[in-house]
């Protein structure tokens, strides 16, 4: 059957449109926002040898319940903003850790973390997520805003070899009782910021869609 030039051109146009839908647009995918329902915190229980025995739903806890994350992958920096139900800076309140575990287009990994284990202003770290080894990053910055209930962490793309895209797992830990002599006072809480479960891995089902550099 002979096809007219007009029909052929239309077919090419349709095919090009289809392919365009399959190819991500970097500028459009440079930012991702994800909501996380309140009250989906889990508590980890360990035996005397420190082996994890069970996860039990804990509903919500102070400094441990995330309600949204935002990731921005710009031409120069990677930025994460984590928003909590409530962040409280006071004696006796839970210390917390905000963590984003990342996988990049080339298969490499990194983890950016903000800890308040020693002081409420926090400390930030960038590490290889597979080995735990620290990664030098002079431009690593963080800010904990107790009024806005947010934790912001950002670093230059050069610290992770300028990835074409990234996926991340957002995790929030709240820790209490570690400074007491009674083991029963110790509590370890986890909120997966992207779903209602307690998985901590970086498989596709537990991470964000790909976020291309803008």
Protein backbone atom coordinates (compact mmCIF):
# COMPACT_ATOMS: atom_id res chain seq x y z
CA UNK A 1 0.00 0.00 0.00
CA UNK A 2 1.32 3.46 -0.93
CA UNK A 3 1.20 6.11 1.78
CA UNK A 4 0.97 9.79 0.89
CA UNK A 5 3.68 12.25 1.95
CA UNK A 6 1.11 13.99 4.17
CA UNK A 7 0.31 10.75 5.99
CA UNK A 8 4.01 9.99 6.38
CA UNK A 9 4.69 13.43 7.83
CA UNK A 10 1.81 13.00 10.28
CA UNK A 11 3.17 9.62 11.36
CA UNK A 12 6.62 11.10 11.92
CA UNK A 13 5.10 13.92 13.97
CA UNK A 14 3.13 11.48 16.11
CA UNK A 15 6.23 9.35 16.60
CA UNK A 16 8.30 12.35 17.62
CA UNK A 17 5.64 13.39 20.12
CA UNK A 18 5.59 9.90 21.61
CA UNK A 19 9.37 9.84 21.94
CA UNK A 20 9.34 13.28 23.55
CA UNK A 21 7.01 11.93 26.21
CA UNK A 22 9.49 9.15 26.98
CA UNK A 23 12.55 11.41 27.25
CA UNK A 24 12.58 13.40 30.55
CA UNK A 25 13.02 17.16 30.23
CA UNK A 26 15.84 18.14 32.61
CA UNK A 27 14.56 21.65 33.26
CA UNK A 28 11.07 20.38 34.08
CA UNK A 29 12.31 17.65 36.40
CA UNK A 30 14.81 19.71 38.39
CA UNK A 31 12.51 19.88 41.42
CA UNK A 32 10.35 17.31 43.21
CA UNK A 33 7.98 17.79 46.15
CA UNK A 34 6.55 14.83 48.05
CA UNK A 35 3.97 14.91 50.84
CA UNK A 36 4.09 12.40 53.67
CA UNK A 37 1.12 11.83 55.95
CA UNK A 38 1.46 12.68 59.63
CA UNK A 39 1.30 9.91 62.21
CA UNK A 40 3.27 7.27 60.29
CA UNK A 41 6.29 6.98 62.60
CA UNK A 42 7.67 3.54 63.58
CA UNK A 43 9.67 2.47 66.63
CA UNK A 44 12.47 -0.08 66.37
CA UNK A 45 12.88 -2.66 69.15
CA UNK A 46 16.20 -4.45 69.71
CA UNK A 47 17.26 -7.42 71.84
CA UNK A 48 20.05 -7.26 74.43
CA UNK A 49 22.62 -7.98 71.73
CA UNK A 50 21.46 -5.01 69.68
CA UNK A 51 19.75 -7.09 67.01
CA UNK A 52 16.56 -5.62 65.56
CA UNK A 53 13.55 -7.65 66.70
CA UNK A 54 10.52 -5.72 65.48
CA UNK A 55 9.05 -2.52 64.13
CA UNK A 56 5.98 -1.18 65.94
CA UNK A 57 3.80 1.72 64.86
CA UNK A 58 4.35 4.74 67.12
CA UNK A 59 1.93 7.17 65.43
CA UNK A 60 3.67 10.54 65.94
CA UNK A 61 6.60 11.68 68.09
CA UNK A 62 8.23 15.06 68.71
CA UNK A 63 11.07 15.80 66.27
CA UNK A 64 10.35 12.64 64.31
CA UNK A 65 7.26 13.05 62.12
CA UNK A 66 7.92 14.30 58.58
CA UNK A 67 5.09 15.73 56.50
CA UNK A 68 6.92 16.64 53.28
CA UNK A 69 10.24 16.72 51.46
CA UNK A 70 11.42 18.86 48.58
CA UNK A 71 14.42 18.09 46.39
CA UNK A 72 15.99 20.57 43.94
CA UNK A 73 18.66 19.50 41.47
CA UNK A 74 20.02 22.68 39.93
CA UNK A 75 22.95 23.20 37.61
CA UNK A 76 25.18 23.97 40.60
CA UNK A 77 23.67 22.56 43.79
CA UNK A 78 21.53 19.75 45.19
CA UNK A 79 19.12 20.97 47.88
CA UNK A 80 16.80 19.07 50.22
CA UNK A 81 14.15 20.61 52.45
CA UNK A 82 12.43 18.38 55.02
CA UNK A 83 9.34 19.65 56.84
CA UNK A 84 8.18 18.18 60.17
CA UNK A 85 4.92 18.27 62.10
CA UNK A 86 6.89 19.92 64.89
CA UNK A 87 10.52 20.59 65.78
CA UNK A 88 11.16 21.42 69.42
CA UNK A 89 14.49 22.53 70.86
CA UNK A 90 14.34 21.90 74.61
CA UNK A 91 16.04 19.78 77.29
CA UNK A 92 14.66 16.24 77.30
CA UNK A 93 13.22 16.37 73.77
CA UNK A 94 14.18 13.83 71.13
CA UNK A 95 17.41 14.40 69.28
CA UNK A 96 16.95 13.83 65.55
CA UNK A 97 18.70 12.96 62.31
CA UNK A 98 17.48 13.91 58.84
CA UNK A 99 18.93 11.78 56.04
CA UNK A 100 18.64 11.62 52.26
CA UNK A 101 20.14 8.48 50.71
CA UNK A 102 20.91 9.10 47.03
CA UNK A 103 21.65 6.97 43.99
CA UNK A 104 22.98 8.59 40.84
CA UNK A 105 22.85 7.88 37.12
CA UNK A 106 26.31 6.26 37.09
CA UNK A 107 25.43 3.86 39.93
CA UNK A 108 27.36 5.72 42.63
CA UNK A 109 25.75 6.70 45.95
CA UNK A 110 25.87 9.36 48.64
CA UNK A 111 24.06 10.20 51.84
CA UNK A 112 23.58 13.68 53.23
CA UNK A 113 22.69 13.86 56.92
CA UNK A 114 21.93 16.54 59.49
CA UNK A 115 22.45 15.42 63.11
CA UNK A 116 21.46 17.10 66.37
CA UNK A 117 23.06 14.47 68.60
CA UNK A 118 25.52 16.96 70.13
CA UNK A 119 23.89 20.36 69.69
CA UNK A 120 20.57 21.71 68.47
CA UNK A 121 22.16 23.82 65.74
CA UNK A 122 23.08 20.52 64.10
CA UNK A 123 26.00 19.13 62.14
CA UNK A 124 25.92 17.99 58.51
CA UNK A 125 27.79 15.19 56.77
CA UNK A 126 28.14 13.84 53.24
CA UNK A 127 29.21 10.21 52.88
CA UNK A 128 29.34 7.36 50.41
CA UNK A 129 26.05 5.58 51.09
CA UNK A 130 27.48 2.13 50.33
CA UNK A 131 30.63 2.30 52.44
CA UNK A 132 29.88 5.03 54.97
CA UNK A 133 33.14 6.77 54.13
CA UNK A 134 33.07 10.55 54.43
CA UNK A 135 33.15 12.58 51.22
CA UNK A 136 35.01 15.92 51.25
CA UNK A 137 32.59 18.72 50.38
CA UNK A 138 33.61 22.27 51.22
CA UNK A 139 30.26 23.71 50.13
CA UNK A 140 28.05 21.49 52.30
CA UNK A 141 25.54 23.64 54.21
CA UNK A 142 22.56 23.05 56.48
CA UNK A 143 20.00 25.02 58.45
CA UNK A 144 17.50 23.88 61.07
CA UNK A 145 14.57 26.29 61.42
CA UNK A 146 12.65 25.47 64.60
CA UNK A 147 10.07 28.16 63.85
CA UNK A 148 9.26 26.77 60.40
CA UNK A 149 9.78 23.11 61.47
CA UNK A 150 12.22 22.51 58.61
CA UNK A 151 15.68 21.10 57.99
CA UNK A 152 17.56 22.23 54.89
CA UNK A 153 20.70 20.59 53.52
CA UNK A 154 22.52 21.53 50.32
CA UNK A 155 25.83 20.89 48.62
CA UNK A 156 27.55 21.55 45.26
CA UNK A 157 26.97 19.01 42.48
CA UNK A 158 30.75 18.86 42.08
CA UNK A 159 30.94 17.00 45.42
CA UNK A 160 29.16 14.05 43.76
CA UNK A 161 30.70 14.37 40.26
CA UNK A 162 27.82 16.32 38.71
CA UNK A 163 25.28 13.49 38.31
CA UNK A 164 22.88 13.55 35.36
CA UNK A 165 20.06 12.54 37.68
CA UNK A 166 19.45 11.32 41.21
CA UNK A 167 16.90 9.31 43.16
CA UNK A 168 16.61 9.62 46.94
CA UNK A 169 15.13 7.89 49.97
CA UNK A 170 14.11 10.36 52.67
CA UNK A 171 14.54 9.14 56.25
CA UNK A 172 14.03 10.84 59.61
CA UNK A 173 15.22 9.40 62.92
CA UNK A 174 14.29 10.54 66.44
CA UNK A 175 16.30 9.27 69.40
CA UNK A 176 15.55 9.56 73.09
CA UNK A 177 16.89 8.21 76.38
CA UNK A 178 20.41 7.51 75.16
CA UNK A 179 21.87 9.75 77.85
CA UNK A 180 20.26 7.80 80.70
CA UNK A 181 21.47 4.69 82.47
CA UNK A 182 18.17 2.84 82.06
CA UNK A 183 17.83 0.92 78.82
CA UNK A 184 14.04 1.08 78.99
CA UNK A 185 14.30 4.83 78.40
CA UNK A 186 15.92 4.33 75.00
CA UNK A 187 13.67 4.83 71.99
CA UNK A 188 14.59 4.73 68.30
CA UNK A 189 12.00 6.12 65.91
CA UNK A 190 11.92 6.21 62.12
CA UNK A 191 9.75 8.00 59.59
CA UNK A 192 10.13 7.13 55.91
CA UNK A 193 9.43 10.49 54.28
CA UNK A 194 8.21 9.02 50.99
CA UNK A 195 5.76 6.36 52.20
CA UNK A 196 4.05 4.99 55.30
CA UNK A 197 6.45 2.08 55.79
CA UNK A 198 9.74 1.66 57.64
CA UNK A 199 12.05 0.46 54.87
CA UNK A 200 15.39 2.23 54.71
CA UNK A 201 16.79 0.90 51.44
CA UNK A 202 17.42 2.67 48.16
CA UNK A 203 15.62 0.31 45.80
CA UNK A 204 13.38 1.83 43.15
CA UNK A 205 10.21 1.11 45.15
CA UNK A 206 11.54 3.04 48.17
CA UNK A 207 12.96 6.08 46.41
CA UNK A 208 11.78 9.10 44.47
CA UNK A 209 11.52 9.25 40.68
CA UNK A 210 14.65 10.41 38.86
CA UNK A 211 15.36 14.10 39.36
CA UNK A 212 17.38 15.46 36.44
CA UNK A 213 19.76 18.40 36.76
CA UNK A 214 18.13 21.70 35.82
